[in-house]
Amino acid sequence: MEEGGSKALGRAIGDARRARGMTQQDLCAAADLSYSTLAKIERGAIRTPSVFTVAAIAEATGTSVEALLGGKQLAQLSDERSYKVSKSGIQFVYFDINGVMVNFYHQAFSKIAIQTGASPEQVESISWRFNDQVCRGEMSVEQFNQELAKALGVSQIDWQHFYMSTVQPIEEAQACFEWAKEHYQVGLLSNIFPGFIEDMQTRGILPKLDNVTVVDSSRVGVIKPEIKIYDIATNRAGVPPESILFIDDSRTNLIAAERFGWRGLWFDDFRPAESANRIRTALEF
């Protein structure tokens, strides 16, 4: 898409958003986009947003892709980049976050235990008691903090602080993610607390997610391994279920995805280099 076309698309999206009485934050939540991505698209800084991103915006604003792009521009956008199809028929790759893109956050339990005098096992047990509710967006992070602090007998806890200060990128997985993004349509599919993906991007813990489909459990209201989340993710991917490869560290989540028709690949975060090599092998084209 030419620069003028990208600016026209940005204006069209801004007009459609305002016509619905939506702020940029409203549209980000409805279309499951990061604020930085939407802001760049609206000002024309992203010349080739994915068709899937534009489709999500169109749905959220009650308009059509054609109305935002025009037939000629849609063809240009679709043909701008030629994605690969693997030898086994994979067209789209979803990566999990915790345990794949970043190492798991058990150290946060230990740090909270030291601060509160509880055992790490006690902190973890209490955290998991409320985890699913927060990941579904049924409980806010602030409410989670209050429940955790109450159960541990302290005045306050900032779980997000402990999480962000202990979680680290799994470099082998993130390098594989960037490689896959060069050749395939990619996405993130995660059980995650509200706002954590954006915070990790800001801190550089996660890579840039421009032209990446993000299925954030706290925004869609369902979690893995519930079947509905795979249905939502399939619709956003825009390809048949059998063309999707899902990379996760949980075998339970992988089994559910495979029952839905996806391909699954288990990621062992204790052997990230081996796991990354298996991903690349699965995506040979």
C-alpha atoms as a PDB file:
ATOM      1  CA  MET A   1       0.000   0.000   0.000  1.00  0.00           C
ATOM      2  CA  GLU A   2       1.357   3.445  -0.922  1.00  0.00           C
ATOM      3  CA  GLU A   3       1.878   6.046   1.777  1.00  0.00           C
ATOM      4  CA  GLY A   4      -1.194   7.974   0.638  1.00  0.00           C
ATOM      5  CA  GLY A   5      -3.251   4.796   0.868  1.00  0.00           C
ATOM      6  CA  SER A   6      -2.103   4.088   4.408  1.00  0.00           C
ATOM      7  CA  LYS A   7      -3.025   7.630   5.479  1.00  0.00           C
ATOM      8  CA  ALA A   8      -6.431   7.279   3.798  1.00  0.00           C
ATOM      9  CA  LEU A   9      -6.987   4.012   5.653  1.00  0.00           C
ATOM     10  CA  GLY A  10      -6.010   5.700   8.918  1.00  0.00           C
ATOM     11  CA  ARG A  11      -8.477   8.519   8.298  1.00  0.00           C
ATOM     12  CA  ALA A  12     -11.224   6.037   7.379  1.00  0.00           C
ATOM     13  CA  ILE A  13     -10.654   4.068  10.570  1.00  0.00           C
ATOM     14  CA  GLY A  14     -10.628   7.220  12.688  1.00  0.00           C
ATOM     15  CA  ASP A  15     -13.859   8.405  11.043  1.00  0.00           C
ATOM     16  CA  ALA A  16     -15.541   5.016  11.561  1.00  0.00           C
ATOM     17  CA  ARG A  17     -14.422   4.937  15.177  1.00  0.00           C
ATOM     18  CA  ARG A  18     -15.698   8.425  15.940  1.00  0.00           C
ATOM     19  CA  ALA A  19     -18.986   7.708  14.135  1.00  0.00           C
ATOM     20  CA  ARG A  20     -19.566   4.912  16.644  1.00  0.00           C
ATOM     21  CA  GLY A  21     -18.676   7.228  19.523  1.00  0.00           C
ATOM     22  CA  MET A  22     -15.591   5.165  20.368  1.00  0.00           C
ATOM     23  CA  THR A  23     -12.301   6.356  21.783  1.00  0.00           C
ATOM     24  CA  GLN A  24      -9.076   4.726  20.613  1.00  0.00           C
ATOM     25  CA  GLN A  25      -9.037   2.790  23.880  1.00  0.00           C
ATOM     26  CA  ASP A  26     -12.589   1.571  23.212  1.00  0.00           C
ATOM     27  CA  LEU A  27     -11.623   0.341  19.758  1.00  0.00           C
ATOM     28  CA  CYS A  28      -8.463  -1.323  21.058  1.00  0.00           C
ATOM     29  CA  ALA A  29     -10.521  -3.292  23.558  1.00  0.00           C
ATOM     30  CA  ALA A  30     -13.218  -4.215  21.017  1.00  0.00           C
ATOM     31  CA  ALA A  31     -10.764  -5.246  18.279  1.00  0.00           C
ATOM     32  CA  ASP A  32      -8.177  -6.727  20.667  1.00  0.00           C
ATOM     33  CA  LEU A  33      -5.396  -4.404  19.486  1.00  0.00           C
ATOM     34  CA  SER A  34      -2.635  -2.689  21.387  1.00  0.00           C
ATOM     35  CA  TYR A  35      -2.994   1.076  21.683  1.00  0.00           C
ATOM     36  CA  SER A  36       0.331   1.681  19.935  1.00  0.00           C
ATOM     37  CA  THR A  37      -0.720  -0.423  16.926  1.00  0.00           C
ATOM     38  CA  LEU A  38      -4.034   1.387  16.476  1.00  0.00           C
ATOM     39  CA  ALA A  39      -2.424   4.800  16.913  1.00  0.00           C
ATOM     40  CA  LYS A  40       0.155   3.995  14.230  1.00  0.00           C
ATOM     41  CA  ILE A  41      -2.489   2.706  11.828  1.00  0.00           C
ATOM     42  CA  GLU A  42      -4.658   5.798  12.285  1.00  0.00           C
ATOM     43  CA  ARG A  43      -1.787   8.149  11.554  1.00  0.00           C
ATOM     44  CA  GLY A  44      -0.647   6.060   8.572  1.00  0.00           C
ATOM     45  CA  ALA A  45       2.642   4.941  10.101  1.00  0.00           C
ATOM     46  CA  ILE A  46       1.920   1.262   9.368  1.00  0.00           C
ATOM     47  CA  ARG A  47       1.733   0.955   5.600  1.00  0.00           C
ATOM     48  CA  THR A  48       0.593  -2.654   5.438  1.00  0.00           C
ATOM     49  CA  PRO A  49      -1.592  -3.630   8.406  1.00  0.00           C
ATOM     50  CA  SER A  50      -2.743  -7.217   8.082  1.00  0.00           C
ATOM     51  CA  VAL A  51      -6.107  -7.990   6.543  1.00  0.00           C
ATOM     52  CA  PHE A  52      -7.040  -9.644   9.848  1.00  0.00           C
ATOM     53  CA  THR A  53      -6.306  -6.470  11.798  1.00  0.00           C
ATOM     54  CA  VAL A  54      -8.399  -4.394   9.413  1.00  0.00           C
ATOM     55  CA  ALA A  55     -11.192  -6.998   9.565  1.00  0.00           C
ATOM     56  CA  ALA A  56     -11.198  -6.850  13.383  1.00  0.00           C
ATOM     57  CA  ILE A  57     -11.420  -3.045  13.258  1.00  0.00           C
ATOM     58  CA  ALA A  58     -14.223  -3.200  10.694  1.00  0.00           C
ATOM     59  CA  GLU A  59     -16.219  -5.604  12.856  1.00  0.00           C
ATOM     60  CA  ALA A  60     -15.690  -3.514  15.980  1.00  0.00           C
ATOM     61  CA  THR A  61     -16.789  -0.293  14.262  1.00  0.00           C
ATOM     62  CA  GLY A  62     -19.782  -1.864  12.537  1.00  0.00           C
ATOM     63  CA  THR A  63     -18.466  -1.263   9.045  1.00  0.00           C
ATOM     64  CA  SER A  64     -16.851  -3.421   6.360  1.00  0.00           C
ATOM     65  CA  VAL A  65     -13.294  -4.035   5.233  1.00  0.00           C
ATOM     66  CA  GLU A  66     -14.247  -2.761   1.789  1.00  0.00           C
ATOM     67  CA  ALA A  67     -15.612   0.466   3.256  1.00  0.00           C
ATOM     68  CA  LEU A  68     -12.338   1.079   5.081  1.00  0.00           C
ATOM     69  CA  LEU A  69     -10.022   0.037   2.273  1.00  0.00           C
ATOM     70  CA  GLY A  70     -11.871   0.117  -1.049  1.00  0.00           C
ATOM     71  CA  GLY A  71     -11.664  -2.855  -3.432  1.00  0.00           C
ATOM     72  CA  LYS A  72      -8.412  -1.803  -5.078  1.00  0.00           C
ATOM     73  CA  GLN A  73      -6.656  -1.158  -1.791  1.00  0.00           C
ATOM     74  CA  LEU A  74      -7.892  -4.460  -0.374  1.00  0.00           C
ATOM     75  CA  ALA A  75      -6.315  -6.329  -3.254  1.00  0.00           C
ATOM     76  CA  GLN A  76      -3.060  -4.445  -2.785  1.00  0.00           C
ATOM     77  CA  LEU A  77      -3.090  -5.177   0.944  1.00  0.00           C
ATOM     78  CA  SER A  78      -3.788  -8.865   0.431  1.00  0.00           C
ATOM     79  CA  ASP A  79      -1.081  -9.220  -2.203  1.00  0.00           C
ATOM     80  CA  GLU A  80       1.501  -7.031  -0.470  1.00  0.00           C
ATOM     81  CA  ARG A  81       3.045  -9.986   1.285  1.00  0.00           C
ATOM     82  CA  SER A  82       3.164 -13.631   0.302  1.00  0.00           C
ATOM     83  CA  TYR A  83       3.063 -15.881   3.339  1.00  0.00           C
ATOM     84  CA  LYS A  84       4.449 -19.395   3.337  1.00  0.00           C
ATOM     85  CA  VAL A  85       2.630 -22.688   3.706  1.00  0.00           C
ATOM     86  CA  SER A  86       4.709 -25.373   5.413  1.00  0.00           C
ATOM     87  CA  LYS A  87       5.270 -28.795   3.920  1.00  0.00           C
ATOM     88  CA  SER A  88       2.679 -30.115   6.363  1.00  0.00           C
ATOM     89  CA  GLY A  89       0.130 -27.423   5.451  1.00  0.00           C
ATOM     90  CA  ILE A  90       0.658 -24.940   8.303  1.00  0.00           C
ATOM     91  CA  GLN A  91      -0.341 -21.360   7.448  1.00  0.00           C
ATOM     92  CA  PHE A  92      -0.758 -19.749  10.871  1.00  0.00           C
ATOM     93  CA  VAL A  93       1.231 -20.140  14.103  1.00  0.00           C
ATOM     94  CA  TYR A  94      -0.036 -19.262  17.590  1.00  0.00           C
ATOM     95  CA  PHE A  95       2.489 -18.922  20.421  1.00  0.00           C
ATOM     96  CA  ASP A  96       1.622 -19.085  24.118  1.00  0.00           C
ATOM     97  CA  ILE A  97       3.199 -16.408  26.353  1.00  0.00           C
ATOM     98  CA  ASN A  98       3.891 -17.801  29.856  1.00  0.00           C
ATOM     99  CA  GLY A  99       6.191 -20.780  29.488  1.00  0.00           C
ATOM    100  CA  VAL A 100       6.944 -20.112  25.811  1.00  0.00           C
ATOM    101  CA  MET A 101       7.630 -16.443  25.045  1.00  0.00           C
ATOM    102  CA  VAL A 102       8.630 -15.722  28.644  1.00  0.00           C
ATOM    103  CA  ASN A 103       9.760 -17.960  31.460  1.00  0.00           C
ATOM    104  CA  PHE A 104       7.211 -18.829  34.067  1.00  0.00           C
ATOM    105  CA  TYR A 105       6.796 -16.557  37.044  1.00  0.00           C
ATOM    106  CA  HIS A 106       7.485 -18.913  39.979  1.00  0.00           C
ATOM    107  CA  GLN A 107      10.183 -16.562  41.252  1.00  0.00           C
ATOM    108  CA  ALA A 108       7.424 -14.038  41.932  1.00  0.00           C
ATOM    109  CA  PHE A 109       5.904 -16.458  44.449  1.00  0.00           C
ATOM    110  CA  SER A 110       9.261 -16.746  46.218  1.00  0.00           C
ATOM    111  CA  LYS A 111       9.738 -12.971  46.402  1.00  0.00           C
ATOM    112  CA  ILE A 112       6.235 -12.460  47.798  1.00  0.00           C
ATOM    113  CA  ALA A 113       6.891 -15.232  50.315  1.00  0.00           C
ATOM    114  CA  ILE A 114      10.025 -13.475  51.554  1.00  0.00           C
ATOM    115  CA  GLN A 115       8.143 -10.192  51.927  1.00  0.00           C
ATOM    116  CA  THR A 116       5.105 -11.669  53.682  1.00  0.00           C
ATOM    117  CA  GLY A 117       6.605 -14.508  55.687  1.00  0.00           C
ATOM    118  CA  ALA A 118       4.429 -17.095  53.946  1.00  0.00           C
ATOM    119  CA  SER A 119       5.793 -20.130  52.134  1.00  0.00           C
ATOM    120  CA  PRO A 120       6.145 -20.026  48.314  1.00  0.00           C
ATOM    121  CA  GLU A 121       3.722 -22.957  48.149  1.00  0.00           C
ATOM    122  CA  GLN A 122       1.121 -21.024  50.130  1.00  0.00           C
ATOM    123  CA  VAL A 123       1.479 -17.957  47.898  1.00  0.00           C
ATOM    124  CA  GLU A 124       1.171 -20.072  44.761  1.00  0.00           C
ATOM    125  CA  SER A 125      -1.861 -21.955  46.067  1.00  0.00           C
ATOM    126  CA  ILE A 126      -3.707 -18.740  46.900  1.00  0.00           C
ATOM    127  CA  SER A 127      -2.766 -17.182  43.560  1.00  0.00           C
ATOM    128  CA  TRP A 128      -4.129 -20.099  41.563  1.00  0.00           C
ATOM    129  CA  ARG A 129      -7.372 -19.898  43.546  1.00  0.00           C
ATOM    130  CA  PHE A 130      -8.219 -16.651  41.739  1.00  0.00           C
ATOM    131  CA  ASN A 131      -6.112 -16.987  38.580  1.00  0.00           C
ATOM    132  CA  ASP A 132      -8.836 -18.164  36.205  1.00  0.00           C
ATOM    133  CA  GLN A 133     -11.210 -15.376  37.253  1.00  0.00           C
ATOM    134  CA  VAL A 134      -8.604 -12.710  36.518  1.00  0.00           C
ATOM    135  CA  CYS A 135      -7.561 -14.316  33.231  1.00  0.00           C
ATOM    136  CA  ARG A 136     -11.226 -14.319  32.132  1.00  0.00           C
ATOM    137  CA  GLY A 137     -11.513 -10.636  33.016  1.00  0.00           C
ATOM    138  CA  GLU A 138     -14.090 -11.434  35.710  1.00  0.00           C
ATOM    139  CA  MET A 139     -11.822 -10.060  38.449  1.00  0.00           C
ATOM    140  CA  SER A 140      -9.570  -7.025  38.141  1.00  0.00           C
ATOM    141  CA  VAL A 141      -5.894  -7.079  39.012  1.00  0.00           C
ATOM    142  CA  GLU A 142      -6.672  -4.697  41.880  1.00  0.00           C
ATOM    143  CA  GLN A 143      -9.264  -7.118  43.274  1.00  0.00           C
ATOM    144  CA  PHE A 144      -6.776  -9.969  42.907  1.00  0.00           C
ATOM    145  CA  ASN A 145      -4.198  -7.964  44.853  1.00  0.00           C
ATOM    146  CA  GLN A 146      -6.722  -7.365  47.623  1.00  0.00           C
ATOM    147  CA  GLU A 147      -7.684 -11.042  47.876  1.00  0.00           C
ATOM    148  CA  LEU A 148      -4.050 -12.160  47.848  1.00  0.00           C
ATOM    149  CA  ALA A 149      -3.060  -9.616  50.512  1.00  0.00           C
ATOM    150  CA  LYS A 150      -6.044 -10.566  52.685  1.00  0.00           C
ATOM    151  CA  ALA A 151      -5.245 -14.285  52.474  1.00  0.00           C
ATOM    152  CA  LEU A 152      -1.579 -13.633  53.341  1.00  0.00           C
ATOM    153  CA  GLY A 153      -2.425 -11.294  56.202  1.00  0.00           C
ATOM    154  CA  VAL A 154      -0.688  -8.206  54.813  1.00  0.00           C
ATOM    155  CA  SER A 155      -1.976  -4.752  53.961  1.00  0.00           C
ATOM    156  CA  GLN A 156      -1.204  -4.800  50.253  1.00  0.00           C
ATOM    157  CA  ILE A 157       0.406  -6.751  47.422  1.00  0.00           C
ATOM    158  CA  ASP A 158       1.284  -5.550  43.914  1.00  0.00           C
ATOM    159  CA  TRP A 159       1.261  -8.776  41.889  1.00  0.00           C
ATOM    160  CA  GLN A 160       2.008  -6.977  38.632  1.00  0.00           C
ATOM    161  CA  HIS A 161       5.199  -5.519  40.128  1.00  0.00           C
ATOM    162  CA  PHE A 162       6.426  -8.922  41.293  1.00  0.00           C
ATOM    163  CA  TYR A 163       5.479 -10.560  37.996  1.00  0.00           C
ATOM    164  CA  MET A 164       7.204  -7.962  35.815  1.00  0.00           C
ATOM    165  CA  SER A 165      10.319  -7.879  37.974  1.00  0.00           C
ATOM    166  CA  THR A 166      10.866 -11.637  37.753  1.00  0.00           C
ATOM    167  CA  VAL A 167       9.605 -12.780  34.345  1.00  0.00           C
ATOM    168  CA  GLN A 168      12.237 -12.840  31.580  1.00  0.00           C
ATOM    169  CA  PRO A 169      12.104 -13.396  27.803  1.00  0.00           C
ATOM    170  CA  ILE A 170      12.908 -16.882  26.552  1.00  0.00           C
ATOM    171  CA  GLU A 171      15.321 -15.721  23.879  1.00  0.00           C
ATOM    172  CA  GLU A 172      15.237 -18.902  21.792  1.00  0.00           C
ATOM    173  CA  ALA A 173      11.446 -18.798  21.576  1.00  0.00           C
ATOM    174  CA  GLN A 174      11.310 -15.095  20.787  1.00  0.00           C
ATOM    175  CA  ALA A 175      13.924 -15.485  18.045  1.00  0.00           C
ATOM    176  CA  CYS A 176      11.817 -18.310  16.631  1.00  0.00           C
ATOM    177  CA  PHE A 177       8.723 -16.085  16.867  1.00  0.00           C
ATOM    178  CA  GLU A 178      10.467 -13.329  14.883  1.00  0.00           C
ATOM    179  CA  TRP A 179      11.627 -15.874  12.301  1.00  0.00           C
ATOM    180  CA  ALA A 180       8.111 -17.310  11.984  1.00  0.00           C
ATOM    181  CA  LYS A 181       6.686 -13.791  11.614  1.00  0.00           C
ATOM    182  CA  GLU A 182       8.879 -13.268   8.547  1.00  0.00           C
ATOM    183  CA  HIS A 183       7.348 -16.260   6.781  1.00  0.00           C
ATOM    184  CA  TYR A 184       3.955 -17.030   8.341  1.00  0.00           C
ATOM    185  CA  GLN A 185       0.945 -15.354   9.814  1.00  0.00           C
ATOM    186  CA  VAL A 186       1.477 -15.458  13.573  1.00  0.00           C
ATOM    187  CA  GLY A 187      -0.372 -14.743  16.768  1.00  0.00           C
ATOM    188  CA  LEU A 188      -0.243 -14.920  20.555  1.00  0.00           C
ATOM    189  CA  LEU A 189      -2.829 -16.972  22.443  1.00  0.00           C
ATOM    190  CA  SER A 190      -2.533 -16.614  26.193  1.00  0.00           C
ATOM    191  CA  ASN A 191      -4.250 -16.951  29.542  1.00  0.00           C
ATOM    192  CA  ILE A 192      -3.111 -13.607  30.881  1.00  0.00           C
ATOM    193  CA  PHE A 193      -4.052 -10.884  33.377  1.00  0.00           C
ATOM    194  CA  PRO A 194      -5.586  -7.653  32.016  1.00  0.00           C
ATOM    195  CA  GLY A 195      -2.979  -5.202  30.741  1.00  0.00           C
ATOM    196  CA  PHE A 196      -0.024  -7.543  31.177  1.00  0.00           C
ATOM    197  CA  ILE A 197       0.681  -7.963  27.452  1.00  0.00           C
ATOM    198  CA  GLU A 198       0.853  -4.199  26.955  1.00  0.00           C
ATOM    199  CA  ASP A 199       3.049  -3.781  30.049  1.00  0.00           C
ATOM    200  CA  MET A 200       5.464  -6.483  28.856  1.00  0.00           C
ATOM    201  CA  GLN A 201       5.718  -4.774  25.474  1.00  0.00           C
ATOM    202  CA  THR A 202       6.464  -1.437  27.136  1.00  0.00           C
ATOM    203  CA  ARG A 203       9.200  -3.031  29.228  1.00  0.00           C
ATOM    204  CA  GLY A 204      10.707  -4.863  26.252  1.00  0.00           C
ATOM    205  CA  ILE A 205       9.885  -8.285  27.693  1.00  0.00           C
ATOM    206  CA  LEU A 206       7.764  -9.088  24.633  1.00  0.00           C
ATOM    207  CA  PRO A 207       8.665  -8.095  21.053  1.00  0.00           C
ATOM    208  CA  LYS A 208       6.686  -5.639  18.949  1.00  0.00           C
ATOM    209  CA  LEU A 209       3.325  -7.064  17.977  1.00  0.00           C
ATOM    210  CA  ASP A 210       2.547  -5.069  14.835  1.00  0.00           C
ATOM    211  CA  ASN A 211       0.648  -7.297  12.389  1.00  0.00           C
ATOM    212  CA  VAL A 212       0.361  -9.998  15.047  1.00  0.00           C
ATOM    213  CA  THR A 213      -3.034 -11.444  16.021  1.00  0.00           C
ATOM    214  CA  VAL A 214      -3.376 -11.324  19.811  1.00  0.00           C
ATOM    215  CA  VAL A 215      -5.982 -13.423  21.620  1.00  0.00           C
ATOM    216  CA  ASP A 216      -5.865 -12.158  25.202  1.00  0.00           C
ATOM    217  CA  SER A 217      -8.042 -14.279  27.503  1.00  0.00           C
ATOM    218  CA  SER A 218      -8.901 -11.318  29.726  1.00  0.00           C
ATOM    219  CA  ARG A 219     -10.364  -9.513  26.710  1.00  0.00           C
ATOM    220  CA  VAL A 220     -12.266 -12.364  25.076  1.00  0.00           C
ATOM    221  CA  GLY A 221     -13.616 -13.647  28.414  1.00  0.00           C
ATOM    222  CA  VAL A 222     -12.581 -17.294  28.052  1.00  0.00           C
ATOM    223  CA  ILE A 223      -9.423 -19.236  28.861  1.00  0.00           C
ATOM    224  CA  LYS A 224      -7.532 -22.244  27.605  1.00  0.00           C
ATOM    225  CA  PRO A 225      -8.390 -25.118  27.502  1.00  0.00           C
ATOM    226  CA  GLU A 226     -12.021 -24.037  26.961  1.00  0.00           C
ATOM    227  CA  ILE A 227     -13.049 -24.814  23.385  1.00  0.00           C
ATOM    228  CA  LYS A 228     -14.550 -21.371  22.782  1.00  0.00           C
ATOM    229  CA  ILE A 229     -11.156 -19.666  22.895  1.00  0.00           C
ATOM    230  CA  TYR A 230      -9.882 -21.888  20.067  1.00  0.00           C
ATOM    231  CA  ASP A 231     -12.997 -21.037  18.073  1.00  0.00           C
ATOM    232  CA  ILE A 232     -12.353 -17.310  18.563  1.00  0.00           C
ATOM    233  CA  ALA A 233      -8.680 -17.715  17.667  1.00  0.00           C
ATOM    234  CA  THR A 234      -9.525 -19.718  14.532  1.00  0.00           C
ATOM    235  CA  ASN A 235     -11.895 -17.014  13.312  1.00  0.00           C
ATOM    236  CA  ARG A 236      -9.242 -14.362  13.882  1.00  0.00           C
ATOM    237  CA  ALA A 237      -6.606 -16.416  12.089  1.00  0.00           C
ATOM    238  CA  GLY A 238      -8.852 -16.688   9.032  1.00  0.00           C
ATOM    239  CA  VAL A 239      -7.539 -20.129   8.029  1.00  0.00           C
ATOM    240  CA  PRO A 240      -8.910 -23.676   8.505  1.00  0.00           C
ATOM    241  CA  PRO A 241      -8.231 -25.244  11.930  1.00  0.00           C
ATOM    242  CA  GLU A 242      -5.953 -27.883  10.430  1.00  0.00           C
ATOM    243  CA  SER A 243      -3.717 -25.098   9.065  1.00  0.00           C
ATOM    244  CA  ILE A 244      -2.972 -23.711  12.551  1.00  0.00           C
ATOM    245  CA  LEU A 245       0.040 -24.746  14.641  1.00  0.00           C
ATOM    246  CA  PHE A 246      -0.204 -24.001  18.365  1.00  0.00           C
ATOM    247  CA  ILE A 247       2.904 -23.864  20.557  1.00  0.00           C
ATOM    248  CA  ASP A 248       2.252 -24.171  24.290  1.00  0.00           C
ATOM    249  CA  ASP A 249       3.980 -25.532  27.392  1.00  0.00           C
ATOM    250  CA  SER A 250       0.744 -27.114  28.675  1.00  0.00           C
ATOM    251  CA  ARG A 251      -0.197 -30.515  27.284  1.00  0.00           C
ATOM    252  CA  THR A 252      -3.769 -29.993  28.496  1.00  0.00           C
ATOM    253  CA  ASN A 253      -4.088 -26.862  26.344  1.00  0.00           C
ATOM    254  CA  LEU A 254      -2.517 -28.650  23.384  1.00  0.00           C
ATOM    255  CA  ILE A 255      -4.884 -31.615  23.661  1.00  0.00           C
ATOM    256  CA  ALA A 256      -7.871 -29.238  23.622  1.00  0.00           C
ATOM    257  CA  ALA A 257      -6.470 -27.448  20.563  1.00  0.00           C
ATOM    258  CA  GLU A 258      -5.898 -30.739  18.761  1.00  0.00           C
ATOM    259  CA  ARG A 259      -9.474 -31.815  19.510  1.00  0.00           C
ATOM    260  CA  PHE A 260     -10.579 -28.603  17.802  1.00  0.00           C
ATOM    261  CA  GLY A 261      -8.561 -29.604  14.726  1.00  0.00           C
ATOM    262  CA  TRP A 262      -5.342 -27.631  15.275  1.00  0.00           C
ATOM    263  CA  ARG A 263      -1.825 -29.028  15.237  1.00  0.00           C
ATOM    264  CA  GLY A 264       0.005 -28.874  18.564  1.00  0.00           C
ATOM    265  CA  LEU A 265       3.665 -28.629  19.549  1.00  0.00           C
ATOM    266  CA  TRP A 266       4.810 -28.854  23.154  1.00  0.00           C
ATOM    267  CA  PHE A 267       7.402 -26.297  24.268  1.00  0.00           C
ATOM    268  CA  ASP A 268       9.814 -27.372  26.997  1.00  0.00           C
ATOM    269  CA  ASP A 269      11.068 -24.193  28.655  1.00  0.00           C
ATOM    270  CA  PHE A 270      13.813 -26.202  30.372  1.00  0.00           C
ATOM    271  CA  ARG A 271      15.171 -27.048  26.894  1.00  0.00           C
ATOM    272  CA  PRO A 272      14.240 -23.947  24.885  1.00  0.00           C
ATOM    273  CA  ALA A 273      16.847 -24.433  22.140  1.00  0.00           C
ATOM    274  CA  GLU A 274      15.599 -27.942  21.414  1.00  0.00           C
ATOM    275  CA  SER A 275      12.004 -26.741  21.405  1.00  0.00           C
ATOM    276  CA  ALA A 276      12.823 -23.854  19.055  1.00  0.00           C
ATOM    277  CA  ASN A 277      14.496 -26.274  16.666  1.00  0.00           C
ATOM    278  CA  ARG A 278      11.387 -28.461  16.664  1.00  0.00           C
ATOM    279  CA  ILE A 279       9.276 -25.428  15.794  1.00  0.00           C
ATOM    280  CA  ARG A 280      11.494 -24.561  12.854  1.00  0.00           C
ATOM    281  CA  THR A 281      11.409 -28.169  11.674  1.00  0.00           C
ATOM    282  CA  ALA A 282       7.606 -28.209  11.878  1.00  0.00           C
ATOM    283  CA  LEU A 283       7.504 -25.031   9.790  1.00  0.00           C
ATOM    284  CA  GLU A 284       9.848 -26.141   6.999  1.00  0.00           C
ATOM    285  CA  PHE A 285       8.553 -25.011   3.618  1.00  0.00           C
END
